[in-house]
């Protein structure tokens, strides 16, 4: 009887360690969720990186795009343009 009791205690203890121990089932689930989140963030960064590469290419090779950016972001005007200034 004592061997059976020790065997049950040992099996319960091992089951507890397998489920809740270091690198157990709970840790495995948590790590899978973290990996899923990191993969989503990585995919988002890849999309942003591709957009930036496209913009760099346009800035290097497309004069019309450079002009549009200069007009929009820097407020530059071309010779001959009429500028209106509104005062509040």
C-alpha atoms as a PDB file:
ATOM      1  CA  UNK A   1       0.000   0.000   0.000  1.00  0.00           C
ATOM      2  CA  UNK A   2       2.824   2.405   0.784  1.00  0.00           C
ATOM      3  CA  UNK A   3       4.275   1.987  -2.699  1.00  0.00           C
ATOM      4  CA  UNK A   4       0.921   2.802  -4.275  1.00  0.00           C
ATOM      5  CA  UNK A   5       0.530   5.898  -2.113  1.00  0.00           C
ATOM      6  CA  UNK A   6       4.040   7.104  -2.994  1.00  0.00           C
ATOM      7  CA  UNK A   7       3.393   6.389  -6.642  1.00  0.00           C
ATOM      8  CA  UNK A   8       0.193   8.483  -6.603  1.00  0.00           C
ATOM      9  CA  UNK A   9       1.961  11.342  -4.801  1.00  0.00           C
ATOM     10  CA  UNK A  10       4.838  11.127  -7.286  1.00  0.00           C
ATOM     11  CA  UNK A  11       2.460  11.154 -10.268  1.00  0.00           C
ATOM     12  CA  UNK A  12       0.505  14.131  -8.888  1.00  0.00           C
ATOM     13  CA  UNK A  13       3.739  16.011  -8.266  1.00  0.00           C
ATOM     14  CA  UNK A  14       5.032  15.240 -11.771  1.00  0.00           C
ATOM     15  CA  UNK A  15       1.700  16.287 -13.284  1.00  0.00           C
ATOM     16  CA  UNK A  16       1.845  19.551 -11.355  1.00  0.00           C
ATOM     17  CA  UNK A  17       5.404  20.192 -12.594  1.00  0.00           C
ATOM     18  CA  UNK A  18       4.472  19.344 -16.189  1.00  0.00           C
ATOM     19  CA  UNK A  19       1.557  21.774 -16.146  1.00  0.00           C
ATOM     20  CA  UNK A  20       2.828  24.630 -13.957  1.00  0.00           C
ATOM     21  CA  UNK A  21       6.590  24.125 -13.798  1.00  0.00           C
ATOM     22  CA  UNK A  22       9.307  25.998 -15.638  1.00  0.00           C
ATOM     23  CA  UNK A  23       8.828  25.362 -19.383  1.00  0.00           C
ATOM     24  CA  UNK A  24       5.562  23.594 -18.618  1.00  0.00           C
ATOM     25  CA  UNK A  25       2.288  23.714 -20.497  1.00  0.00           C
ATOM     26  CA  UNK A  26       1.297  27.112 -19.086  1.00  0.00           C
ATOM     27  CA  UNK A  27       4.649  28.664 -20.065  1.00  0.00           C
ATOM     28  CA  UNK A  28       4.359  27.062 -23.492  1.00  0.00           C
ATOM     29  CA  UNK A  29       0.937  28.675 -23.999  1.00  0.00           C
ATOM     30  CA  UNK A  30       2.214  32.085 -22.847  1.00  0.00           C
ATOM     31  CA  UNK A  31       5.205  31.880 -25.177  1.00  0.00           C
ATOM     32  CA  UNK A  32       2.979  30.943 -28.127  1.00  0.00           C
ATOM     33  CA  UNK A  33       0.822  34.011 -27.472  1.00  0.00           C
ATOM     34  CA  UNK A  34       3.900  36.245 -27.246  1.00  0.00           C
ATOM     35  CA  UNK A  35       5.232  34.758 -30.489  1.00  0.00           C
ATOM     36  CA  UNK A  36       1.897  35.455 -32.189  1.00  0.00           C
ATOM     37  CA  UNK A  37       1.985  39.092 -31.062  1.00  0.00           C
ATOM     38  CA  UNK A  38       5.607  39.505 -32.170  1.00  0.00           C
ATOM     39  CA  UNK A  39       4.834  38.042 -35.604  1.00  0.00           C
ATOM     40  CA  UNK A  40       1.960  40.509 -36.030  1.00  0.00           C
ATOM     41  CA  UNK A  41       4.208  43.416 -35.022  1.00  0.00           C
ATOM     42  CA  UNK A  42       6.897  42.169 -37.389  1.00  0.00           C
ATOM     43  CA  UNK A  43       4.432  42.004 -40.280  1.00  0.00           C
ATOM     44  CA  UNK A  44       3.338  45.582 -39.509  1.00  0.00           C
ATOM     45  CA  UNK A  45       6.954  46.774 -39.509  1.00  0.00           C
ATOM     46  CA  UNK A  46       7.636  44.983 -42.805  1.00  0.00           C
ATOM     47  CA  UNK A  47       4.679  46.798 -44.402  1.00  0.00           C
ATOM     48  CA  UNK A  48       5.914  50.135 -43.069  1.00  0.00           C
ATOM     49  CA  UNK A  49       9.434  49.358 -44.287  1.00  0.00           C
ATOM     50  CA  UNK A  50       8.171  48.540 -47.789  1.00  0.00           C
ATOM     51  CA  UNK A  51       6.279  51.840 -47.890  1.00  0.00           C
ATOM     52  CA  UNK A  52       9.397  53.733 -46.876  1.00  0.00           C
ATOM     53  CA  UNK A  53      11.450  51.944 -49.539  1.00  0.00           C
ATOM     54  CA  UNK A  54       8.888  52.968 -52.157  1.00  0.00           C
ATOM     55  CA  UNK A  55       8.992  56.584 -50.962  1.00  0.00           C
ATOM     56  CA  UNK A  56      12.804  56.593 -51.057  1.00  0.00           C
ATOM     57  CA  UNK A  57      12.731  55.294 -54.615  1.00  0.00           C
ATOM     58  CA  UNK A  58      10.247  57.993 -55.626  1.00  0.00           C
ATOM     59  CA  UNK A  59      12.356  60.705 -53.999  1.00  0.00           C
ATOM     60  CA  UNK A  60      15.456  59.499 -55.830  1.00  0.00           C
ATOM     61  CA  UNK A  61      13.953  59.056 -59.287  1.00  0.00           C
ATOM     62  CA  UNK A  62      10.718  61.057 -59.658  1.00  0.00           C
ATOM     63  CA  UNK A  63      11.012  64.868 -59.923  1.00  0.00           C
ATOM     64  CA  UNK A  64       7.225  65.328 -59.838  1.00  0.00           C
ATOM     65  CA  UNK A  65       7.035  63.533 -56.505  1.00  0.00           C
ATOM     66  CA  UNK A  66       9.864  65.667 -55.119  1.00  0.00           C
ATOM     67  CA  UNK A  67       8.003  68.790 -56.193  1.00  0.00           C
ATOM     68  CA  UNK A  68       4.760  67.558 -54.622  1.00  0.00           C
ATOM     69  CA  UNK A  69       6.523  66.821 -51.329  1.00  0.00           C
ATOM     70  CA  UNK A  70       8.264  70.213 -51.356  1.00  0.00           C
ATOM     71  CA  UNK A  71       4.964  71.980 -51.959  1.00  0.00           C
ATOM     72  CA  UNK A  72       3.014  70.007 -49.376  1.00  0.00           C
ATOM     73  CA  UNK A  73       5.478  69.611 -46.525  1.00  0.00           C
ATOM     74  CA  UNK A  74       7.725  72.645 -46.966  1.00  0.00           C
ATOM     75  CA  UNK A  75       5.186  75.112 -48.338  1.00  0.00           C
ATOM     76  CA  UNK A  76       7.360  75.933 -51.330  1.00  0.00           C
ATOM     77  CA  UNK A  77       5.994  77.597 -54.468  1.00  0.00           C
ATOM     78  CA  UNK A  78       7.100  77.589 -58.061  1.00  0.00           C
ATOM     79  CA  UNK A  79       8.068  80.706 -59.959  1.00  0.00           C
ATOM     80  CA  UNK A  80       4.918  82.253 -61.358  1.00  0.00           C
ATOM     81  CA  UNK A  81       2.558  80.837 -58.711  1.00  0.00           C
ATOM     82  CA  UNK A  82       0.254  83.259 -56.945  1.00  0.00           C
ATOM     83  CA  UNK A  83       0.351  83.007 -53.159  1.00  0.00           C
ATOM     84  CA  UNK A  84      -2.617  84.033 -51.052  1.00  0.00           C
ATOM     85  CA  UNK A  85      -2.108  84.776 -47.362  1.00  0.00           C
ATOM     86  CA  UNK A  86      -5.189  84.845 -45.176  1.00  0.00           C
ATOM     87  CA  UNK A  87      -4.993  86.769 -41.922  1.00  0.00           C
ATOM     88  CA  UNK A  88      -7.413  86.039 -39.068  1.00  0.00           C
END
